[in-house]
Amino acid sequence: MVSNNLREERVKKGLSVTKLACQAGLAPSTLSEFERGLRRPWPRARADLSRVLGISESELFPGLELRNEH
């Protein structure tokens, strides 16, 4: 599940929701919604979160179709 993996990687890196959101250019509330499964991360958010966490998008978001969405 996207939300569990995202939260797990954030905690593993020792980052708070606020810190990761800031580094990825997101609002903390948006990141929280991603982690709780209330919102699906858009392509740019997936790329930015993957970059900050140092993990590939396919590893961070397994099972999520990685393509540009409009």
N, C-alpha and C. Protein backbone atom coordinates (compact mmCIF):
# COMPACT_ATOMS: atom_id res chain seq x y z
N MET A 1 0.84 -1.19 0.00
CA MET A 1 0.00 0.00 0.00
C MET A 1 0.88 1.24 0.00
N VAL A 2 0.53 2.21 -0.81
CA VAL A 2 1.31 3.44 -0.96
C VAL A 2 1.52 4.14 0.37
N SER A 3 0.45 4.33 1.11
CA SER A 3 0.53 5.10 2.34
C SER A 3 1.46 4.45 3.37
N ASN A 4 1.37 3.13 3.53
CA ASN A 4 2.21 2.45 4.50
C ASN A 4 3.68 2.53 4.13
N ASN A 5 3.98 2.35 2.85
CA ASN A 5 5.36 2.38 2.41
C ASN A 5 5.95 3.78 2.57
N LEU A 6 5.20 4.78 2.24
CA LEU A 6 5.66 6.17 2.37
C LEU A 6 5.96 6.49 3.83
N ARG A 7 5.04 6.16 4.70
CA ARG A 7 5.24 6.42 6.14
C ARG A 7 6.45 5.64 6.66
N GLU A 8 6.55 4.38 6.26
CA GLU A 8 7.65 3.54 6.71
C GLU A 8 9.01 4.12 6.30
N GLU A 9 9.12 4.54 5.06
CA GLU A 9 10.38 5.13 4.58
C GLU A 9 10.69 6.45 5.27
N ARG A 10 9.67 7.26 5.52
CA ARG A 10 9.88 8.54 6.21
C ARG A 10 10.41 8.30 7.62
N VAL A 11 9.77 7.37 8.34
CA VAL A 11 10.19 7.06 9.71
C VAL A 11 11.59 6.47 9.71
N LYS A 12 11.87 5.58 8.75
CA LYS A 12 13.18 4.95 8.65
C LYS A 12 14.29 6.00 8.49
N LYS A 13 13.98 7.08 7.77
CA LYS A 13 14.96 8.16 7.55
C LYS A 13 14.99 9.16 8.70
N GLY A 14 14.10 8.97 9.68
CA GLY A 14 14.08 9.86 10.84
C GLY A 14 13.50 11.23 10.56
N LEU A 15 12.59 11.31 9.59
CA LEU A 15 12.00 12.59 9.21
C LEU A 15 10.58 12.73 9.74
N SER A 16 10.25 13.91 10.19
CA SER A 16 8.87 14.19 10.57
C SER A 16 8.07 14.48 9.31
N VAL A 17 6.77 14.46 9.43
CA VAL A 17 5.90 14.81 8.30
C VAL A 17 6.25 16.21 7.82
N THR A 18 6.40 17.14 8.76
CA THR A 18 6.70 18.54 8.40
C THR A 18 8.03 18.66 7.67
N LYS A 19 9.05 17.99 8.17
CA LYS A 19 10.39 18.08 7.56
C LYS A 19 10.39 17.49 6.14
N LEU A 20 9.81 16.30 5.97
CA LEU A 20 9.78 15.69 4.64
C LEU A 20 8.95 16.53 3.69
N ALA A 21 7.80 16.99 4.14
CA ALA A 21 6.95 17.82 3.29
C ALA A 21 7.70 19.06 2.82
N CYS A 22 8.38 19.73 3.73
CA CYS A 22 9.14 20.93 3.38
C CYS A 22 10.22 20.62 2.35
N GLN A 23 10.96 19.55 2.56
CA GLN A 23 12.04 19.19 1.64
C GLN A 23 11.51 18.76 0.28
N ALA A 24 10.30 18.25 0.23
CA ALA A 24 9.70 17.80 -1.03
C ALA A 24 8.82 18.88 -1.67
N GLY A 25 8.70 20.03 -1.01
CA GLY A 25 7.90 21.12 -1.57
C GLY A 25 6.41 20.90 -1.45
N LEU A 26 6.00 20.19 -0.41
CA LEU A 26 4.59 19.89 -0.19
C LEU A 26 4.12 20.51 1.13
N ALA A 27 2.85 20.70 1.25
CA ALA A 27 2.27 21.10 2.53
C ALA A 27 2.25 19.86 3.43
N PRO A 28 2.53 20.02 4.71
CA PRO A 28 2.47 18.87 5.62
C PRO A 28 1.11 18.17 5.59
N SER A 29 0.04 18.92 5.44
CA SER A 29 -1.29 18.31 5.39
C SER A 29 -1.44 17.41 4.16
N THR A 30 -0.83 17.81 3.05
CA THR A 30 -0.89 16.99 1.83
C THR A 30 -0.14 15.69 2.03
N LEU A 31 1.07 15.77 2.59
CA LEU A 31 1.84 14.56 2.85
C LEU A 31 1.09 13.65 3.81
N SER A 32 0.48 14.22 4.82
CA SER A 32 -0.31 13.44 5.76
C SER A 32 -1.45 12.72 5.06
N GLU A 33 -2.09 13.40 4.12
CA GLU A 33 -3.18 12.77 3.36
C GLU A 33 -2.65 11.63 2.49
N PHE A 34 -1.46 11.80 1.91
CA PHE A 34 -0.85 10.71 1.14
C PHE A 34 -0.63 9.50 2.06
N GLU A 35 -0.05 9.77 3.23
CA GLU A 35 0.27 8.68 4.16
C GLU A 35 -0.98 7.97 4.69
N ARG A 36 -2.06 8.69 4.85
CA ARG A 36 -3.30 8.10 5.36
C ARG A 36 -4.16 7.51 4.25
N GLY A 37 -3.69 7.61 3.00
CA GLY A 37 -4.42 7.04 1.88
C GLY A 37 -5.64 7.86 1.45
N LEU A 38 -5.68 9.11 1.87
CA LEU A 38 -6.81 9.97 1.52
C LEU A 38 -6.62 10.65 0.16
N ARG A 39 -5.38 10.75 -0.27
CA ARG A 39 -5.05 11.33 -1.57
C ARG A 39 -4.00 10.47 -2.23
N ARG A 40 -4.05 10.45 -3.54
CA ARG A 40 -3.04 9.72 -4.32
C ARG A 40 -1.99 10.74 -4.78
N PRO A 41 -0.72 10.46 -4.53
CA PRO A 41 0.32 11.41 -4.94
C PRO A 41 0.42 11.54 -6.46
N TRP A 42 0.49 12.77 -6.93
CA TRP A 42 0.62 13.03 -8.36
C TRP A 42 2.07 12.82 -8.77
N PRO A 43 2.35 12.74 -10.07
CA PRO A 43 3.70 12.39 -10.55
C PRO A 43 4.82 13.26 -9.98
N ARG A 44 4.64 14.55 -9.94
CA ARG A 44 5.71 15.44 -9.43
C ARG A 44 5.95 15.18 -7.95
N ALA A 45 4.88 14.99 -7.19
CA ALA A 45 5.03 14.70 -5.76
C ALA A 45 5.76 13.38 -5.55
N ARG A 46 5.42 12.36 -6.35
CA ARG A 46 6.11 11.07 -6.25
C ARG A 46 7.60 11.23 -6.52
N ALA A 47 7.93 11.98 -7.55
CA ALA A 47 9.34 12.19 -7.90
C ALA A 47 10.07 12.93 -6.79
N ASP A 48 9.46 13.97 -6.26
CA ASP A 48 10.10 14.76 -5.21
C ASP A 48 10.27 13.96 -3.92
N LEU A 49 9.26 13.21 -3.53
CA LEU A 49 9.37 12.38 -2.33
C LEU A 49 10.43 11.31 -2.51
N SER A 50 10.48 10.69 -3.66
CA SER A 50 11.49 9.66 -3.94
C SER A 50 12.90 10.25 -3.86
N ARG A 51 13.06 11.43 -4.43
CA ARG A 51 14.37 12.10 -4.40
C ARG A 51 14.81 12.38 -2.97
N VAL A 52 13.94 12.97 -2.19
CA VAL A 52 14.28 13.33 -0.81
C VAL A 52 14.58 12.09 0.03
N LEU A 53 13.81 11.02 -0.17
CA LEU A 53 14.00 9.80 0.62
C LEU A 53 15.12 8.92 0.07
N GLY A 54 15.62 9.23 -1.12
CA GLY A 54 16.73 8.47 -1.69
C GLY A 54 16.33 7.06 -2.08
N ILE A 55 15.14 6.91 -2.62
CA ILE A 55 14.63 5.60 -3.01
C ILE A 55 13.90 5.79 -4.35
N SER A 56 13.92 4.78 -5.18
CA SER A 56 13.26 4.90 -6.48
C SER A 56 11.75 5.00 -6.31
N GLU A 57 11.11 5.62 -7.29
CA GLU A 57 9.65 5.73 -7.26
C GLU A 57 9.00 4.35 -7.22
N SER A 58 9.53 3.42 -7.99
CA SER A 58 8.92 2.08 -8.04
C SER A 58 9.05 1.36 -6.69
N GLU A 59 10.10 1.65 -5.94
CA GLU A 59 10.24 1.05 -4.60
C GLU A 59 9.35 1.77 -3.58
N LEU A 60 9.27 3.09 -3.70
CA LEU A 60 8.48 3.87 -2.75
C LEU A 60 6.98 3.71 -2.98
N PHE A 61 6.61 3.56 -4.25
CA PHE A 61 5.19 3.45 -4.61
C PHE A 61 4.93 2.17 -5.38
N PRO A 62 5.17 1.01 -4.78
CA PRO A 62 4.95 -0.25 -5.50
C PRO A 62 3.49 -0.43 -5.86
N GLY A 63 3.27 -0.91 -7.06
CA GLY A 63 1.91 -1.16 -7.51
C GLY A 63 1.19 0.05 -8.01
N LEU A 64 1.79 1.21 -7.87
CA LEU A 64 1.17 2.43 -8.39
C LEU A 64 1.68 2.65 -9.79
N GLU A 65 0.79 2.82 -10.73
CA GLU A 65 1.19 3.01 -12.10
C GLU A 65 1.96 4.32 -12.21
N LEU A 66 3.21 4.23 -12.61
CA LEU A 66 4.07 5.41 -12.69
C LEU A 66 4.04 5.98 -14.10
N ARG A 67 3.16 6.94 -14.25
CA ARG A 67 3.04 7.61 -15.55
C ARG A 67 2.56 9.03 -15.28
N ASN A 68 2.70 9.86 -16.28
CA ASN A 68 2.20 11.22 -16.14
C ASN A 68 0.69 11.21 -16.18
N GLU A 69 0.10 11.86 -15.22
CA GLU A 69 -1.35 11.93 -15.12
C GLU A 69 -1.78 13.38 -15.21
N HIS A 70 -2.94 13.60 -15.75
CA HIS A 70 -3.45 14.97 -15.85
C HIS A 70 -4.73 15.12 -15.09
